[in-house]
């Protein structure tokens, strides 16, 4: 029997910062035609020459200009039907912790504004069931308890951008 692999097409990345003892999630508001006005975490397509975690790091930088100081695979995959592709899509979720002093600079073609919000507020902003489900798992696994260090992805910018997808 031949094994099969499910290859994800896109990623979701929750960016979290600690500010005065509380944790806040970065929510971005879409301004592009696709899902205009939707609040969401960082999302994006995986390019042909990169892994999902490399895509997550690239999308974080492209969409926010933030540099994570800790980066994890969240051990959850969002699954939904994509109308425009007529396909069931699997989306691995990642978690990035950033220092509170970093400035968010949204990608103006994709997002017109952002907010750092509490977990509770993030749940009210998110419109899609899979985003709500994944942020709950992220909050339980990375905020309510210490993150599992076996899920941590150690990276340097050079490695994240230069490693071919099939060599990791």
N, C-alpha and C. Protein backbone atom coordinates (compact mmCIF):
# COMPACT_ATOMS: atom_id res chain seq x y z
N UNK A 1 0.84 -1.17 0.00
CA UNK A 1 0.00 0.00 0.00
C UNK A 1 0.89 1.24 0.00
N UNK A 2 0.57 2.17 -0.86
CA UNK A 2 1.35 3.40 -0.96
C UNK A 2 0.82 4.44 0.01
N UNK A 3 1.73 5.09 0.73
CA UNK A 3 1.34 6.15 1.67
C UNK A 3 1.02 7.41 0.89
N UNK A 4 0.07 8.17 1.39
CA UNK A 4 -0.24 9.45 0.75
C UNK A 4 0.08 10.59 1.71
N UNK A 5 0.35 11.74 1.15
CA UNK A 5 0.67 12.91 1.93
C UNK A 5 -0.32 14.01 1.58
N UNK A 6 -0.84 14.67 2.60
CA UNK A 6 -1.70 15.83 2.38
C UNK A 6 -0.81 17.05 2.37
N UNK A 7 -0.77 17.75 1.26
CA UNK A 7 0.07 18.94 1.15
C UNK A 7 -0.77 20.19 1.35
N UNK A 8 -0.46 20.96 2.39
CA UNK A 8 -1.24 22.18 2.63
C UNK A 8 -0.94 23.23 1.57
N UNK A 9 -1.93 24.07 1.30
CA UNK A 9 -1.78 25.15 0.32
C UNK A 9 -1.47 26.49 0.98
N UNK A 10 -1.89 26.63 2.25
CA UNK A 10 -1.71 27.91 2.92
C UNK A 10 -1.47 27.69 4.41
N UNK A 11 -1.19 28.80 5.10
CA UNK A 11 -0.88 28.75 6.54
C UNK A 11 -1.73 29.78 7.29
N UNK A 12 -1.83 29.56 8.59
CA UNK A 12 -2.35 30.55 9.54
C UNK A 12 -1.29 30.73 10.60
N UNK A 13 -1.02 31.97 10.99
CA UNK A 13 -0.04 32.24 12.04
C UNK A 13 -0.62 33.26 13.02
N UNK A 14 -0.69 32.85 14.29
CA UNK A 14 -1.12 33.76 15.35
C UNK A 14 0.11 34.43 15.93
N UNK A 15 0.09 35.75 15.98
CA UNK A 15 1.19 36.52 16.56
C UNK A 15 0.73 37.00 17.93
N UNK A 16 1.57 36.73 18.94
CA UNK A 16 1.22 37.04 20.32
C UNK A 16 2.33 37.87 20.94
N UNK A 17 1.93 38.87 21.72
CA UNK A 17 2.91 39.63 22.49
C UNK A 17 2.42 39.71 23.93
N UNK A 18 3.40 39.75 24.84
CA UNK A 18 3.09 39.95 26.25
C UNK A 18 3.27 41.43 26.54
N UNK A 19 2.27 42.00 27.18
CA UNK A 19 2.30 43.43 27.48
C UNK A 19 1.77 43.65 28.89
N UNK A 20 2.67 43.94 29.82
CA UNK A 20 2.26 44.19 31.19
C UNK A 20 1.62 43.00 31.87
N UNK A 21 2.08 41.81 31.56
CA UNK A 21 1.56 40.61 32.20
C UNK A 21 0.37 39.98 31.50
N UNK A 22 -0.17 40.65 30.49
CA UNK A 22 -1.26 40.04 29.73
C UNK A 22 -0.78 39.75 28.31
N UNK A 23 -1.45 38.82 27.68
CA UNK A 23 -1.07 38.42 26.32
C UNK A 23 -2.09 38.98 25.34
N UNK A 24 -1.58 39.49 24.23
CA UNK A 24 -2.45 40.05 23.21
C UNK A 24 -2.16 39.39 21.86
N UNK A 25 -3.23 39.27 21.08
CA UNK A 25 -3.16 38.66 19.76
C UNK A 25 -3.26 39.75 18.70
N UNK A 26 -2.46 39.63 17.66
CA UNK A 26 -2.54 40.58 16.55
C UNK A 26 -3.65 40.14 15.60
N UNK A 27 -4.59 41.05 15.37
CA UNK A 27 -5.65 40.83 14.39
C UNK A 27 -5.51 41.87 13.29
N UNK A 28 -5.61 41.42 12.06
CA UNK A 28 -5.45 42.27 10.88
C UNK A 28 -6.78 42.35 10.13
N UNK A 29 -7.12 43.55 9.65
CA UNK A 29 -8.37 43.70 8.89
C UNK A 29 -8.06 43.76 7.40
N UNK A 30 -8.68 42.85 6.66
CA UNK A 30 -8.44 42.77 5.21
C UNK A 30 -9.05 43.97 4.49
N UNK A 31 -8.30 44.46 3.51
CA UNK A 31 -8.80 45.54 2.65
C UNK A 31 -8.81 45.12 1.18
N UNK A 32 -8.34 43.92 0.92
CA UNK A 32 -8.37 43.42 -0.46
C UNK A 32 -9.78 42.93 -0.79
N UNK A 33 -10.03 42.71 -2.07
CA UNK A 33 -11.35 42.31 -2.53
C UNK A 33 -11.82 41.00 -1.87
N UNK A 34 -10.91 40.07 -1.71
CA UNK A 34 -11.22 38.76 -1.11
C UNK A 34 -11.41 38.92 0.40
N UNK A 35 -12.61 38.72 0.90
CA UNK A 35 -12.96 38.84 2.32
C UNK A 35 -12.74 40.25 2.87
N UNK A 36 -13.09 41.26 2.10
CA UNK A 36 -12.94 42.65 2.52
C UNK A 36 -13.57 42.88 3.89
N UNK A 37 -12.83 43.53 4.79
CA UNK A 37 -13.32 43.87 6.12
C UNK A 37 -13.19 42.76 7.14
N UNK A 38 -12.74 41.59 6.73
CA UNK A 38 -12.59 40.45 7.64
C UNK A 38 -11.39 40.63 8.56
N UNK A 39 -11.59 40.40 9.85
CA UNK A 39 -10.48 40.39 10.82
C UNK A 39 -9.92 38.99 10.88
N UNK A 40 -8.60 38.89 10.91
CA UNK A 40 -7.97 37.57 10.86
C UNK A 40 -6.55 37.63 11.41
N UNK A 41 -5.98 36.44 11.71
CA UNK A 41 -4.54 36.37 11.98
C UNK A 41 -3.80 36.45 10.64
N UNK A 42 -2.50 36.31 10.68
CA UNK A 42 -1.72 36.25 9.44
C UNK A 42 -2.10 34.97 8.70
N UNK A 43 -2.36 35.10 7.41
CA UNK A 43 -2.65 33.95 6.57
C UNK A 43 -1.91 34.13 5.25
N UNK A 44 -1.73 33.04 4.53
CA UNK A 44 -1.09 33.18 3.23
C UNK A 44 -0.81 31.86 2.57
N UNK A 45 -0.54 31.93 1.30
CA UNK A 45 -0.25 30.75 0.48
C UNK A 45 1.19 30.28 0.68
N UNK A 46 1.37 28.98 0.53
CA UNK A 46 2.70 28.38 0.56
C UNK A 46 3.22 28.37 -0.87
N UNK A 47 4.41 28.93 -1.07
CA UNK A 47 5.00 28.95 -2.41
C UNK A 47 5.63 27.60 -2.73
N UNK A 48 5.84 27.34 -4.00
CA UNK A 48 6.30 26.03 -4.48
C UNK A 48 7.63 25.59 -3.87
N UNK A 49 8.50 26.52 -3.56
CA UNK A 49 9.84 26.16 -3.08
C UNK A 49 10.00 26.27 -1.56
N UNK A 50 8.90 26.29 -0.81
CA UNK A 50 9.04 26.45 0.64
C UNK A 50 8.15 25.47 1.40
N UNK A 51 8.51 25.26 2.66
CA UNK A 51 7.71 24.45 3.57
C UNK A 51 6.64 25.35 4.19
N UNK A 52 5.71 24.73 4.90
CA UNK A 52 4.65 25.50 5.56
C UNK A 52 5.24 26.47 6.59
N UNK A 53 6.21 26.00 7.39
CA UNK A 53 6.76 26.89 8.42
C UNK A 53 7.55 28.03 7.79
N UNK A 54 8.21 27.79 6.67
CA UNK A 54 8.91 28.87 5.98
C UNK A 54 7.90 29.89 5.44
N UNK A 55 6.79 29.40 4.91
CA UNK A 55 5.74 30.30 4.42
C UNK A 55 5.19 31.15 5.56
N UNK A 56 5.01 30.54 6.73
CA UNK A 56 4.48 31.29 7.87
C UNK A 56 5.43 32.42 8.25
N UNK A 57 6.72 32.13 8.34
CA UNK A 57 7.69 33.19 8.66
C UNK A 57 7.70 34.28 7.59
N UNK A 58 7.65 33.88 6.33
CA UNK A 58 7.64 34.87 5.24
C UNK A 58 6.40 35.73 5.30
N UNK A 59 5.24 35.11 5.50
CA UNK A 59 3.98 35.86 5.56
C UNK A 59 3.95 36.80 6.76
N UNK A 60 4.48 36.37 7.90
CA UNK A 60 4.54 37.25 9.07
C UNK A 60 5.33 38.50 8.73
N UNK A 61 6.48 38.31 8.11
CA UNK A 61 7.31 39.47 7.76
C UNK A 61 6.65 40.33 6.69
N UNK A 62 6.10 39.70 5.66
CA UNK A 62 5.48 40.47 4.57
C UNK A 62 4.25 41.24 5.04
N UNK A 63 3.42 40.62 5.86
CA UNK A 63 2.15 41.24 6.25
C UNK A 63 2.26 42.18 7.44
N UNK A 64 3.33 42.05 8.25
CA UNK A 64 3.40 42.85 9.48
C UNK A 64 4.74 43.53 9.72
N UNK A 65 5.80 43.07 9.07
CA UNK A 65 7.18 43.51 9.30
C UNK A 65 7.70 43.10 10.69
N UNK A 66 7.02 42.19 11.36
CA UNK A 66 7.45 41.73 12.68
C UNK A 66 8.45 40.59 12.54
N UNK A 67 9.33 40.48 13.55
CA UNK A 67 10.33 39.41 13.62
C UNK A 67 10.06 38.59 14.89
N UNK A 68 9.58 37.36 14.75
CA UNK A 68 9.33 36.54 15.95
C UNK A 68 10.61 36.25 16.72
N UNK A 69 10.49 36.21 18.05
CA UNK A 69 11.64 35.76 18.84
C UNK A 69 11.45 34.31 19.29
N UNK A 70 10.23 33.81 19.22
CA UNK A 70 9.93 32.38 19.43
C UNK A 70 8.87 31.99 18.42
N UNK A 71 9.02 30.78 17.89
CA UNK A 71 8.14 30.36 16.79
C UNK A 71 7.83 28.88 16.97
N UNK A 72 6.55 28.53 16.87
CA UNK A 72 6.10 27.16 17.15
C UNK A 72 5.12 26.68 16.08
N UNK A 73 5.11 25.37 15.88
CA UNK A 73 4.01 24.73 15.18
C UNK A 73 2.93 24.53 16.24
N UNK A 74 1.69 24.86 15.92
CA UNK A 74 0.64 24.85 16.94
C UNK A 74 -0.01 23.49 17.16
N UNK A 75 0.36 22.51 16.38
CA UNK A 75 -0.18 21.15 16.52
C UNK A 75 -1.69 21.10 16.26
N UNK A 76 -2.12 21.98 15.36
CA UNK A 76 -3.52 21.98 14.92
C UNK A 76 -3.54 22.35 13.44
N UNK A 77 -4.49 21.78 12.73
CA UNK A 77 -4.66 22.07 11.31
C UNK A 77 -6.10 22.52 11.10
N UNK A 78 -6.28 23.67 10.45
CA UNK A 78 -7.61 24.12 10.08
C UNK A 78 -8.02 23.37 8.81
N UNK A 79 -9.28 22.99 8.74
CA UNK A 79 -9.79 22.28 7.57
C UNK A 79 -11.11 22.95 7.16
N UNK A 80 -11.21 23.32 5.90
CA UNK A 80 -12.44 23.95 5.42
C UNK A 80 -12.57 23.76 3.92
N UNK A 81 -13.77 24.00 3.44
CA UNK A 81 -14.05 23.94 2.00
C UNK A 81 -13.78 25.31 1.40
N UNK A 82 -12.93 25.37 0.39
CA UNK A 82 -12.60 26.62 -0.31
C UNK A 82 -13.45 26.69 -1.57
N UNK A 83 -14.42 27.58 -1.56
CA UNK A 83 -15.36 27.72 -2.66
C UNK A 83 -14.66 27.99 -3.99
N UNK A 84 -13.68 28.90 -3.97
CA UNK A 84 -13.03 29.31 -5.22
C UNK A 84 -12.15 28.22 -5.83
N UNK A 85 -11.70 27.28 -5.00
CA UNK A 85 -10.89 26.16 -5.49
C UNK A 85 -11.71 24.89 -5.68
N UNK A 86 -12.93 24.90 -5.12
CA UNK A 86 -13.76 23.70 -5.07
C UNK A 86 -12.97 22.55 -4.47
N UNK A 87 -12.37 22.83 -3.30
CA UNK A 87 -11.50 21.84 -2.66
C UNK A 87 -11.58 21.96 -1.14
N UNK A 88 -11.33 20.84 -0.49
CA UNK A 88 -11.15 20.86 0.96
C UNK A 88 -9.70 21.22 1.21
N UNK A 89 -9.47 22.26 1.99
CA UNK A 89 -8.14 22.81 2.20
C UNK A 89 -7.69 22.52 3.63
N UNK A 90 -6.43 22.10 3.78
CA UNK A 90 -5.84 21.92 5.11
C UNK A 90 -4.82 23.03 5.32
N UNK A 91 -4.87 23.63 6.51
CA UNK A 91 -4.05 24.80 6.80
C UNK A 91 -3.33 24.60 8.14
N UNK A 92 -2.03 24.32 8.15
CA UNK A 92 -1.31 24.21 9.41
C UNK A 92 -1.25 25.57 10.11
N UNK A 93 -1.29 25.51 11.43
CA UNK A 93 -1.30 26.73 12.25
C UNK A 93 0.02 26.86 12.99
N UNK A 94 0.52 28.08 13.05
CA UNK A 94 1.78 28.40 13.72
C UNK A 94 1.55 29.51 14.73
N UNK A 95 2.47 29.60 15.70
CA UNK A 95 2.40 30.62 16.75
C UNK A 95 3.73 31.34 16.80
N UNK A 96 3.67 32.66 16.75
CA UNK A 96 4.88 33.49 16.82
C UNK A 96 4.74 34.44 18.00
N UNK A 97 5.75 34.44 18.87
CA UNK A 97 5.80 35.41 19.97
C UNK A 97 6.74 36.53 19.54
N UNK A 98 6.31 37.77 19.77
CA UNK A 98 7.14 38.92 19.41
C UNK A 98 7.32 39.81 20.63
N UNK A 99 8.38 40.61 20.58
CA UNK A 99 8.62 41.60 21.64
C UNK A 99 7.63 42.74 21.48
N UNK A 100 7.18 43.29 22.60
CA UNK A 100 6.14 44.32 22.56
C UNK A 100 6.60 45.62 21.92
N UNK A 101 7.90 45.85 21.84
CA UNK A 101 8.38 47.12 21.29
C UNK A 101 8.40 47.14 19.76
N UNK A 102 8.19 46.01 19.11
CA UNK A 102 8.22 45.99 17.64
C UNK A 102 6.99 46.70 17.07
N UNK A 103 7.19 47.45 16.01
CA UNK A 103 6.10 48.17 15.37
C UNK A 103 5.50 47.33 14.25
N UNK A 104 4.18 47.24 14.24
CA UNK A 104 3.47 46.54 13.17
C UNK A 104 3.31 47.50 11.99
N UNK A 105 3.71 47.03 10.82
CA UNK A 105 3.51 47.80 9.58
C UNK A 105 2.74 46.89 8.63
N UNK A 106 1.41 47.05 8.58
CA UNK A 106 0.61 46.16 7.73
C UNK A 106 0.92 46.33 6.25
N UNK A 107 0.82 45.24 5.51
CA UNK A 107 0.96 45.26 4.05
C UNK A 107 -0.28 45.98 3.49
N UNK A 108 -0.12 47.18 2.92
CA UNK A 108 -1.28 47.99 2.54
C UNK A 108 -2.16 47.40 1.44
N UNK A 109 -1.66 46.46 0.66
CA UNK A 109 -2.49 45.83 -0.37
C UNK A 109 -3.42 44.77 0.22
N UNK A 110 -3.10 44.32 1.45
CA UNK A 110 -3.89 43.26 2.07
C UNK A 110 -4.68 43.70 3.29
N UNK A 111 -4.08 44.59 4.11
CA UNK A 111 -4.70 44.99 5.38
C UNK A 111 -4.65 46.50 5.55
N UNK A 112 -5.77 47.07 6.01
CA UNK A 112 -5.79 48.52 6.19
C UNK A 112 -5.59 48.95 7.64
N UNK A 113 -5.72 48.03 8.57
CA UNK A 113 -5.47 48.36 9.97
C UNK A 113 -5.24 47.07 10.75
N UNK A 114 -4.86 47.25 12.01
CA UNK A 114 -4.62 46.11 12.89
C UNK A 114 -4.98 46.51 14.31
N UNK A 115 -5.14 45.51 15.16
CA UNK A 115 -5.35 45.74 16.59
C UNK A 115 -4.67 44.62 17.37
N UNK A 116 -4.06 44.98 18.50
CA UNK A 116 -3.62 44.00 19.48
C UNK A 116 -4.79 43.84 20.44
N UNK A 117 -5.29 42.62 20.57
CA UNK A 117 -6.50 42.41 21.37
C UNK A 117 -6.34 41.21 22.30
N UNK A 118 -7.20 41.17 23.30
CA UNK A 118 -7.24 40.03 24.21
C UNK A 118 -7.78 38.81 23.47
N UNK A 119 -7.59 37.66 24.07
CA UNK A 119 -8.14 36.42 23.52
C UNK A 119 -9.65 36.54 23.34
N UNK A 120 -10.32 37.07 24.36
CA UNK A 120 -11.78 37.19 24.32
C UNK A 120 -12.23 38.10 23.16
N UNK A 121 -11.53 39.22 22.98
CA UNK A 121 -11.88 40.14 21.89
C UNK A 121 -11.58 39.50 20.54
N UNK A 122 -10.48 38.76 20.45
CA UNK A 122 -10.14 38.09 19.19
C UNK A 122 -11.26 37.14 18.77
N UNK A 123 -11.82 36.42 19.74
CA UNK A 123 -12.92 35.50 19.42
C UNK A 123 -14.12 36.24 18.83
N UNK A 124 -14.37 37.46 19.28
CA UNK A 124 -15.50 38.22 18.74
C UNK A 124 -15.19 38.80 17.36
N UNK A 125 -13.92 39.07 17.08
CA UNK A 125 -13.54 39.62 15.77
C UNK A 125 -13.49 38.58 14.67
N UNK A 126 -13.09 37.36 15.03
CA UNK A 126 -12.92 36.30 14.02
C UNK A 126 -14.28 35.85 13.49
N UNK A 127 -14.40 35.72 12.18
CA UNK A 127 -15.66 35.35 11.54
C UNK A 127 -15.79 33.88 11.19
N UNK A 128 -14.68 33.18 11.07
CA UNK A 128 -14.73 31.81 10.58
C UNK A 128 -14.53 30.81 11.71
N UNK A 129 -15.31 29.72 11.65
CA UNK A 129 -15.30 28.70 12.70
C UNK A 129 -13.91 28.10 12.91
N UNK A 130 -13.18 27.85 11.84
CA UNK A 130 -11.86 27.23 11.99
C UNK A 130 -10.87 28.19 12.65
N UNK A 131 -10.97 29.49 12.38
CA UNK A 131 -10.11 30.44 13.09
C UNK A 131 -10.46 30.47 14.58
N UNK A 132 -11.75 30.43 14.90
CA UNK A 132 -12.16 30.42 16.31
C UNK A 132 -11.67 29.14 17.00
N UNK A 133 -11.79 28.02 16.31
CA UNK A 133 -11.33 26.75 16.88
C UNK A 133 -9.82 26.77 17.09
N UNK A 134 -9.09 27.25 16.10
CA UNK A 134 -7.63 27.22 16.22
C UNK A 134 -7.11 28.19 17.27
N UNK A 135 -7.71 29.38 17.39
CA UNK A 135 -7.22 30.31 18.41
C UNK A 135 -7.49 29.78 19.81
N UNK A 136 -8.59 29.04 19.98
CA UNK A 136 -8.85 28.43 21.29
C UNK A 136 -7.76 27.42 21.64
N UNK A 137 -7.37 26.60 20.68
CA UNK A 137 -6.30 25.63 20.91
C UNK A 137 -4.99 26.34 21.19
N UNK A 138 -4.69 27.38 20.43
CA UNK A 138 -3.46 28.15 20.64
C UNK A 138 -3.46 28.74 22.05
N UNK A 139 -4.56 29.33 22.46
CA UNK A 139 -4.64 29.96 23.78
C UNK A 139 -4.44 28.92 24.90
N UNK A 140 -5.09 27.78 24.76
CA UNK A 140 -4.95 26.72 25.77
C UNK A 140 -3.52 26.18 25.82
N UNK A 141 -2.90 25.98 24.67
CA UNK A 141 -1.60 25.32 24.60
C UNK A 141 -0.40 26.24 24.78
N UNK A 142 -0.58 27.54 24.53
CA UNK A 142 0.56 28.45 24.55
C UNK A 142 0.45 29.58 25.57
N UNK A 143 -0.75 29.84 26.10
CA UNK A 143 -0.93 30.91 27.07
C UNK A 143 -1.35 30.35 28.43
N UNK A 144 -2.35 29.48 28.44
CA UNK A 144 -2.82 28.92 29.71
C UNK A 144 -1.82 27.94 30.30
N UNK A 145 -0.92 27.44 29.50
CA UNK A 145 0.16 26.58 29.99
C UNK A 145 1.44 26.93 29.23
N UNK A 146 2.53 26.45 29.73
CA UNK A 146 3.81 26.69 29.06
C UNK A 146 3.82 25.99 27.71
N UNK A 147 4.31 26.65 26.67
CA UNK A 147 4.39 25.98 25.37
C UNK A 147 5.28 24.74 25.44
N UNK A 148 4.89 23.72 24.71
CA UNK A 148 5.68 22.50 24.61
C UNK A 148 6.90 22.83 23.74
N UNK A 149 8.08 22.79 24.32
CA UNK A 149 9.29 23.17 23.59
C UNK A 149 9.63 22.20 22.46
N UNK A 150 9.03 21.01 22.47
CA UNK A 150 9.24 20.09 21.34
C UNK A 150 8.56 20.61 20.08
N UNK A 151 7.65 21.57 20.22
CA UNK A 151 6.96 22.16 19.07
C UNK A 151 7.66 23.41 18.55
N UNK A 152 8.71 23.82 19.24
CA UNK A 152 9.42 25.04 18.85
C UNK A 152 10.22 24.82 17.57
N UNK A 153 10.16 25.79 16.69
CA UNK A 153 10.93 25.77 15.45
C UNK A 153 12.08 26.75 15.62
N UNK A 154 13.29 26.22 15.62
CA UNK A 154 14.47 27.07 15.73
C UNK A 154 14.87 27.46 14.31
N UNK A 155 15.02 28.73 14.09
CA UNK A 155 15.27 29.21 12.74
C UNK A 155 16.18 30.43 12.77
N UNK A 156 16.79 30.66 11.64
CA UNK A 156 17.43 31.94 11.39
C UNK A 156 16.80 32.45 10.11
N UNK A 157 16.85 33.72 9.87
CA UNK A 157 16.23 34.27 8.67
C UNK A 157 16.80 33.61 7.41
N UNK A 158 18.10 33.36 7.40
CA UNK A 158 18.72 32.76 6.23
C UNK A 158 18.19 31.35 6.00
N UNK A 159 18.05 30.57 7.07
CA UNK A 159 17.55 29.20 6.93
C UNK A 159 16.11 29.22 6.47
N UNK A 160 15.30 30.08 7.04
CA UNK A 160 13.88 30.13 6.68
C UNK A 160 13.68 30.48 5.21
N UNK A 161 14.55 31.30 4.66
CA UNK A 161 14.37 31.74 3.28
C UNK A 161 15.10 30.88 2.26
N UNK A 162 16.13 30.13 2.69
CA UNK A 162 16.99 29.45 1.72
C UNK A 162 16.87 27.93 1.68
N UNK A 163 16.22 27.30 2.64
CA UNK A 163 16.16 25.84 2.66
C UNK A 163 15.11 25.36 1.66
N UNK A 164 15.50 24.52 0.70
CA UNK A 164 14.51 23.96 -0.23
C UNK A 164 13.47 23.14 0.53
N UNK A 165 12.25 23.13 0.06
CA UNK A 165 11.14 22.48 0.75
C UNK A 165 11.38 21.00 0.98
N UNK A 166 12.08 20.31 0.10
CA UNK A 166 12.26 18.87 0.25
C UNK A 166 13.48 18.49 1.07
N UNK A 167 14.18 19.45 1.65
CA UNK A 167 15.39 19.11 2.41
C UNK A 167 15.20 19.19 3.91
N UNK A 168 14.04 19.58 4.38
CA UNK A 168 13.81 19.72 5.82
C UNK A 168 13.32 18.41 6.39
